[in-house]
Amino acid sequence: MEHIPLEQPIVELEERIAMLRHLMHTQGIDKSSEIKKLQQQAKRLRSKIFSRLSAYDTVKLSRHPQRPNSLEIIKTISTEFIEMHGDRHFYDDRAIVGGLAHFDEQSVMFIGHQKGRGTSENITRNFGMPKPEGYRKALRLMHLAAKFSLPIICFIDTPGAYPGIGAEERGQSEAIGRNILAMARLSVPIIAIVIGEGGSGGALAIGVADRTHMLKYSIYSVISPEGCASILMKNAGQATEAAAALKLTATHALELGLIDSIIDEPLGGGHWNPADVAKNIKDTIRADLQELAKINAQDLPHYRSKKFADVKFYSE
């Protein structure tokens, strides 16, 4: 497993525990007391490190290379997932994934940003940064879901929409704007969950929902801390200060009324126990679907619009 500097002291303790367990298994040496002490030490250290995270520490965790991604979560919480490809105009953007599946015996449409594992797959997935074709694929799947009255469940995890010249030439901003407009008008339940990075318009293009949630160590922001520092502070090295000013953590988003709830993760991040994260996400979606089923489908756009109109404004 890849790790980030923030968690390196814990990793070193875990590796020592693993080595002692290996000695017990292969050589029959009793190391149980040492293992117990190290486990207690690791627990205390984990609690110490992750109880005082800065905003930029949370940014690092949201970008963790082993963080559970959209496809992994979809395949864990649903059955019979059938991925659908292409925007029917240009090509299949693999930074966006989506398709039909059964969730608790109910047919649903999943749509999500998709990052890769390792450099090669990240290049294929464009590091989770969709181009216009990705958003047009998502829009096609949304309209398909609306045609058959299926709930839409979106997983957000992107640094932002791809800012390349080709993407701009093919209408990046138009694609994002069209998605936002369409999601505001759809008469089916929409649930959005930020599972990693919720970056700028790239996140909003699949983020206009009746219920919006964030995993504990995810972020939601109009711009990355590095981008903000480069533009406003003329120094990307001040990303730590920019992250604090952006109010981008799940706690801040909840306080500002941008999201409905924070979904819990294991201490240290979802990569330590993906099964727990998937269970928490599934429980949240199940509760949302039950609540949204009580609302007349034709009234959903009205309530959705009001939800966004009621978002608080922040001033210091």
Protein backbone atom coordinates (compact mmCIF):
# COMPACT_ATOMS: atom_id res chain seq x y z
CA MET A 1 0.00 0.00 0.00
CA GLU A 2 1.20 3.50 -0.82
CA HIS A 3 1.28 5.96 2.06
CA ILE A 4 1.63 9.69 2.58
CA PRO A 5 4.14 11.35 4.98
CA LEU A 6 1.39 12.22 7.46
CA GLU A 7 0.79 8.57 8.31
CA GLN A 8 4.38 7.32 8.05
CA PRO A 9 4.99 7.01 11.84
CA ILE A 10 1.89 4.79 12.12
CA VAL A 11 2.96 2.72 9.12
CA GLU A 12 6.34 2.04 10.72
CA LEU A 13 4.65 0.70 13.86
CA GLU A 14 2.26 -1.43 11.78
CA GLU A 15 5.23 -2.88 9.89
CA ARG A 16 6.96 -3.81 13.15
CA ILE A 17 3.76 -5.50 14.35
CA ALA A 18 3.53 -7.43 11.07
CA MET A 19 7.17 -8.54 11.39
CA LEU A 20 6.61 -9.83 14.95
CA ARG A 21 3.49 -11.72 13.84
CA HIS A 22 5.53 -13.28 11.06
CA LEU A 23 8.14 -14.45 13.59
CA MET A 24 5.41 -15.97 15.75
CA HIS A 25 3.95 -17.80 12.77
CA THR A 26 7.18 -19.07 11.22
CA GLN A 27 9.44 -19.61 14.22
CA GLY A 28 7.00 -20.12 17.07
CA ILE A 29 8.47 -17.25 19.11
CA ASP A 30 6.00 -15.71 21.54
CA LYS A 31 5.87 -12.01 20.80
CA SER A 32 2.29 -11.41 21.95
CA SER A 33 3.20 -8.98 24.74
CA GLU A 34 5.38 -6.87 22.42
CA ILE A 35 2.66 -6.88 19.77
CA LYS A 36 0.09 -5.72 22.32
CA LYS A 37 2.31 -2.82 23.42
CA LEU A 38 2.96 -1.77 19.84
CA GLN A 39 -0.76 -1.95 19.01
CA GLN A 40 -1.57 0.32 21.95
CA GLN A 41 1.21 2.69 20.90
CA ALA A 42 -0.11 2.76 17.32
CA LYS A 43 -3.64 3.45 18.55
CA ARG A 44 -2.47 6.36 20.70
CA LEU A 45 -0.34 7.77 17.88
CA ARG A 46 -3.16 7.46 15.35
CA SER A 47 -5.53 9.26 17.69
CA LYS A 48 -2.96 12.00 18.34
CA ILE A 49 -2.19 12.62 14.66
CA PHE A 50 -5.75 12.51 13.34
CA SER A 51 -7.38 14.48 16.15
CA ARG A 52 -5.51 17.65 15.20
CA LEU A 53 -5.49 17.67 11.41
CA SER A 54 -5.05 20.96 9.61
CA ALA A 55 -7.21 21.74 6.57
CA TYR A 56 -4.25 20.94 4.32
CA ASP A 57 -3.71 17.59 6.08
CA THR A 58 -7.30 16.77 5.12
CA VAL A 59 -6.51 17.77 1.53
CA LYS A 60 -3.64 15.25 1.53
CA LEU A 61 -5.90 12.51 2.87
CA SER A 62 -8.58 13.29 0.27
CA ARG A 63 -5.92 12.67 -2.42
CA HIS A 64 -4.53 9.50 -0.86
CA PRO A 65 -3.50 7.10 -3.66
CA GLN A 66 -5.24 4.17 -1.94
CA ARG A 67 -8.48 5.97 -1.12
CA PRO A 68 -11.59 3.95 -2.12
CA ASN A 69 -12.70 5.08 -5.58
CA SER A 70 -16.07 5.17 -7.34
CA LEU A 71 -15.89 1.78 -9.08
CA GLU A 72 -14.71 0.02 -5.92
CA ILE A 73 -17.54 1.50 -3.88
CA ILE A 74 -20.17 0.81 -6.56
CA LYS A 75 -19.16 -2.83 -6.87
CA THR A 76 -19.16 -3.24 -3.08
CA ILE A 77 -22.54 -1.70 -2.30
CA SER A 78 -24.51 -2.92 -5.33
CA THR A 79 -25.03 -6.00 -7.49
CA GLU A 80 -25.22 -6.62 -11.24
CA PHE A 81 -23.45 -3.37 -12.10
CA ILE A 82 -23.32 -2.81 -15.87
CA GLU A 83 -20.93 -0.04 -16.87
CA MET A 84 -22.06 2.09 -19.80
CA HIS A 85 -19.63 3.89 -22.10
CA GLY A 86 -19.41 6.88 -24.41
CA ASP A 87 -21.17 10.19 -24.93
CA ARG A 88 -22.48 9.28 -28.43
CA HIS A 89 -20.70 12.36 -29.83
CA PHE A 90 -16.93 12.06 -29.50
CA TYR A 91 -15.47 9.27 -27.33
CA ASP A 92 -15.56 7.45 -23.99
CA ASP A 93 -13.99 9.60 -21.28
CA ARG A 94 -12.76 7.16 -18.64
CA ALA A 95 -12.46 9.88 -15.99
CA ILE A 96 -16.24 9.45 -15.62
CA VAL A 97 -17.80 6.04 -15.00
CA GLY A 98 -21.44 5.09 -14.75
CA GLY A 99 -24.03 2.46 -15.28
CA LEU A 100 -27.05 0.55 -14.05
CA ALA A 101 -27.04 -1.61 -10.94
CA HIS A 102 -29.25 -3.11 -8.25
CA PHE A 103 -29.14 -1.41 -4.86
CA ASP A 104 -31.16 -3.30 -2.25
CA GLU A 105 -33.10 -4.91 -5.13
CA GLN A 106 -33.90 -1.46 -6.54
CA SER A 107 -32.57 -0.41 -9.94
CA VAL A 108 -30.43 2.73 -9.78
CA MET A 109 -28.04 4.70 -11.98
CA PHE A 110 -24.53 5.24 -10.63
CA ILE A 111 -22.28 8.02 -11.97
CA GLY A 112 -18.88 8.97 -10.60
CA HIS A 113 -15.46 10.43 -11.18
CA GLN A 114 -12.78 7.77 -11.44
CA LYS A 115 -9.11 8.11 -10.59
CA GLY A 116 -6.59 5.37 -11.33
CA ARG A 117 -4.32 3.19 -9.26
CA GLY A 118 -0.74 3.95 -10.24
CA THR A 119 0.66 6.18 -12.94
CA SER A 120 -0.42 4.14 -15.96
CA GLU A 121 -4.09 3.90 -14.98
CA ASN A 122 -4.12 7.51 -13.81
CA ILE A 123 -2.99 8.57 -17.27
CA THR A 124 -5.83 6.50 -18.76
CA ARG A 125 -8.28 8.07 -16.32
CA ASN A 126 -6.72 11.54 -16.81
CA PHE A 127 -6.17 11.67 -13.03
CA GLY A 128 -9.93 11.93 -12.50
CA MET A 129 -10.26 15.15 -14.52
CA PRO A 130 -13.08 14.77 -17.06
CA LYS A 131 -13.24 16.46 -20.44
CA PRO A 132 -16.53 17.61 -22.01
CA GLU A 133 -17.20 14.09 -23.27
CA GLY A 134 -17.16 12.79 -19.71
CA TYR A 135 -19.83 15.21 -18.61
CA ARG A 136 -21.86 14.51 -21.75
CA LYS A 137 -21.65 10.81 -20.95
CA ALA A 138 -22.90 11.58 -17.44
CA LEU A 139 -25.74 13.67 -18.90
CA ARG A 140 -26.72 10.84 -21.24
CA LEU A 141 -26.91 8.45 -18.28
CA MET A 142 -28.95 10.96 -16.26
CA HIS A 143 -31.52 11.29 -19.04
CA LEU A 144 -31.65 7.49 -19.33
CA ALA A 145 -32.30 7.23 -15.59
CA ALA A 146 -35.05 9.87 -15.81
CA LYS A 147 -36.67 8.01 -18.72
CA PHE A 148 -37.08 4.90 -16.56
CA SER A 149 -37.68 6.77 -13.25
CA LEU A 150 -34.47 5.50 -11.64
CA PRO A 151 -32.71 7.25 -8.75
CA ILE A 152 -29.29 8.71 -9.60
CA ILE A 153 -26.36 8.25 -7.21
CA CYS A 154 -23.21 10.29 -7.89
CA PHE A 155 -19.73 9.90 -6.40
CA ILE A 156 -17.58 13.03 -6.59
CA ASP A 157 -13.78 12.73 -6.62
CA THR A 158 -11.97 15.12 -8.95
CA PRO A 159 -9.36 17.88 -8.75
CA GLY A 160 -11.58 19.66 -11.29
CA ALA A 161 -12.54 19.55 -14.95
CA TYR A 162 -9.60 19.12 -17.34
CA PRO A 163 -8.32 22.61 -18.32
CA GLY A 164 -6.65 21.64 -21.62
CA ILE A 165 -7.05 23.53 -24.89
CA GLY A 166 -8.87 20.64 -26.59
CA ALA A 167 -11.39 20.42 -23.76
CA GLU A 168 -12.05 24.15 -23.99
CA GLU A 169 -12.42 23.96 -27.77
CA ARG A 170 -15.02 21.20 -27.42
CA GLY A 171 -17.09 23.20 -24.93
CA GLN A 172 -15.97 22.33 -21.41
CA SER A 173 -17.89 25.14 -19.70
CA GLU A 174 -21.01 24.51 -21.80
CA ALA A 175 -20.97 20.81 -20.87
CA ILE A 176 -20.68 21.60 -17.16
CA GLY A 177 -23.40 24.28 -17.33
CA ARG A 178 -25.75 21.99 -19.25
CA ASN A 179 -25.32 19.26 -16.62
CA ILE A 180 -26.07 21.67 -13.78
CA LEU A 181 -29.22 22.88 -15.55
CA ALA A 182 -30.37 19.33 -16.35
CA MET A 183 -29.81 18.07 -12.79
CA ALA A 184 -31.83 20.99 -11.43
CA ARG A 185 -34.79 19.89 -13.57
CA LEU A 186 -34.75 16.07 -13.32
CA SER A 187 -37.81 14.55 -11.66
CA VAL A 188 -35.96 11.62 -10.07
CA PRO A 189 -34.15 11.41 -6.71
CA ILE A 190 -30.49 12.45 -6.90
CA ILE A 191 -27.91 11.71 -4.21
CA ALA A 192 -24.34 13.02 -4.36
CA ILE A 193 -21.45 11.95 -2.13
CA VAL A 194 -18.01 13.56 -2.12
CA ILE A 195 -15.65 10.62 -1.57
CA GLY A 196 -12.33 12.40 -2.17
CA GLU A 197 -11.68 15.72 -3.85
CA GLY A 198 -14.67 17.87 -4.74
CA GLY A 199 -12.98 20.31 -7.05
CA SER A 200 -14.69 23.32 -8.67
CA GLY A 201 -17.13 23.02 -11.60
CA GLY A 202 -15.79 19.54 -12.25
CA ALA A 203 -17.55 18.46 -9.06
CA LEU A 204 -20.69 20.55 -9.56
CA ALA A 205 -21.31 18.97 -12.96
CA ILE A 206 -22.53 15.83 -11.15
CA GLY A 207 -23.24 17.48 -7.80
CA VAL A 208 -26.67 19.13 -8.03
CA ALA A 209 -28.58 16.73 -5.80
CA ASP A 210 -31.47 16.38 -3.36
CA ARG A 211 -29.08 15.02 -0.74
CA THR A 212 -25.36 15.80 -0.61
CA HIS A 213 -22.87 14.17 1.76
CA MET A 214 -19.11 14.12 2.29
CA LEU A 215 -16.81 11.46 3.66
CA LYS A 216 -15.03 12.68 6.78
CA TYR A 217 -11.64 13.19 5.11
CA SER A 218 -12.89 14.59 1.80
CA ILE A 219 -12.85 18.20 0.59
CA TYR A 220 -15.20 20.46 -1.38
CA SER A 221 -13.81 23.66 -2.85
CA VAL A 222 -14.07 26.15 -5.69
CA ILE A 223 -10.32 25.75 -6.35
CA SER A 224 -7.40 23.69 -5.10
CA PRO A 225 -5.31 25.21 -2.27
CA GLU A 226 -2.29 25.30 -4.58
CA GLY A 227 -4.27 27.13 -7.28
CA CYS A 228 -5.69 29.58 -4.78
CA ALA A 229 -2.24 30.30 -3.32
CA SER A 230 -0.77 30.80 -6.79
CA ILE A 231 -3.46 33.28 -7.83
CA LEU A 232 -4.17 35.23 -4.65
CA MET A 233 -0.88 34.90 -2.76
CA LYS A 234 1.41 34.64 -5.80
CA ASN A 235 3.07 31.66 -4.12
CA ALA A 236 1.90 28.04 -4.43
CA GLY A 237 3.99 27.26 -1.35
CA GLN A 238 1.33 28.94 0.78
CA ALA A 239 -1.18 26.18 0.04
CA THR A 240 -1.49 25.41 3.77
CA GLU A 241 -2.75 28.93 4.49
CA ALA A 242 -5.00 28.85 1.42
CA ALA A 243 -6.58 25.56 2.51
CA ALA A 244 -7.50 27.05 5.88
CA ALA A 245 -9.00 30.14 4.24
CA LEU A 246 -11.04 28.14 1.70
CA LYS A 247 -13.12 26.38 4.41
CA LEU A 248 -12.99 23.20 2.32
CA THR A 249 -13.32 20.42 4.91
CA ALA A 250 -16.48 18.40 5.51
CA THR A 251 -16.99 20.14 8.86
CA HIS A 252 -16.93 23.57 7.22
CA ALA A 253 -19.24 22.43 4.40
CA LEU A 254 -21.78 21.18 6.94
CA GLU A 255 -21.60 24.42 8.93
CA LEU A 256 -22.20 26.45 5.76
CA GLY A 257 -25.16 24.31 4.72
CA LEU A 258 -23.48 22.98 1.58
CA ILE A 259 -24.01 19.35 2.57
CA ASP A 260 -26.56 17.37 4.54
CA SER A 261 -24.23 15.16 6.56
CA ILE A 262 -20.70 13.84 7.09
CA ILE A 263 -20.21 10.12 6.51
CA ASP A 264 -17.79 8.62 9.00
CA GLU A 265 -14.49 6.99 8.04
CA PRO A 266 -12.04 4.87 10.07
CA LEU A 267 -9.54 6.96 12.01
CA GLY A 268 -6.80 7.74 9.52
CA GLY A 269 -8.87 7.43 6.35
CA GLY A 270 -11.04 5.05 4.39
CA HIS A 271 -8.07 3.21 2.88
CA TRP A 272 -7.45 1.53 6.25
CA ASN A 273 -10.85 -0.18 6.11
CA PRO A 274 -12.68 0.23 2.75
CA ALA A 275 -15.39 -2.23 3.80
CA ASP A 276 -16.44 0.02 6.70
CA VAL A 277 -16.54 3.05 4.42
CA ALA A 278 -18.68 1.21 1.88
CA LYS A 279 -21.09 0.11 4.62
CA ASN A 280 -21.46 3.68 5.92
CA ILE A 281 -22.08 4.95 2.39
CA LYS A 282 -24.63 2.22 1.73
CA ASP A 283 -26.51 3.01 4.96
CA THR A 284 -26.62 6.70 4.03
CA ILE A 285 -27.91 6.03 0.50
CA ARG A 286 -30.52 3.59 1.79
CA ALA A 287 -31.87 6.15 4.27
CA ASP A 288 -31.92 8.88 1.59
CA LEU A 289 -33.79 6.74 -0.92
CA GLN A 290 -36.41 5.89 1.68
CA GLU A 291 -36.93 9.57 2.53
CA LEU A 292 -36.93 10.80 -1.08
CA ALA A 293 -39.44 8.11 -2.07
CA LYS A 294 -41.99 9.94 0.09
CA ILE A 295 -41.76 13.08 -2.10
CA ASN A 296 -43.79 13.33 -5.28
CA ALA A 297 -41.36 13.03 -8.19
CA GLN A 298 -42.71 16.18 -9.87
CA ASP A 299 -41.95 18.18 -6.69
CA LEU A 300 -38.30 17.13 -6.48
CA PRO A 301 -36.95 19.93 -8.76
CA HIS A 302 -38.70 22.54 -6.60
CA TYR A 303 -37.22 21.23 -3.35
CA ARG A 304 -33.81 20.80 -5.00
CA SER A 305 -33.80 24.42 -6.19
CA LYS A 306 -34.85 25.66 -2.75
CA LYS A 307 -32.08 23.64 -1.14
CA PHE A 308 -29.43 25.48 -3.16
CA ALA A 309 -31.15 28.84 -2.76
CA ASP A 310 -30.90 28.41 1.02
CA VAL A 311 -27.11 27.89 1.03
CA LYS A 312 -25.43 30.26 3.47
CA PHE A 313 -22.89 32.89 2.49
CA TYR A 314 -19.61 33.15 4.36
CA SER A 315 -18.00 36.44 5.30
CA GLU A 316 -15.25 37.22 7.76
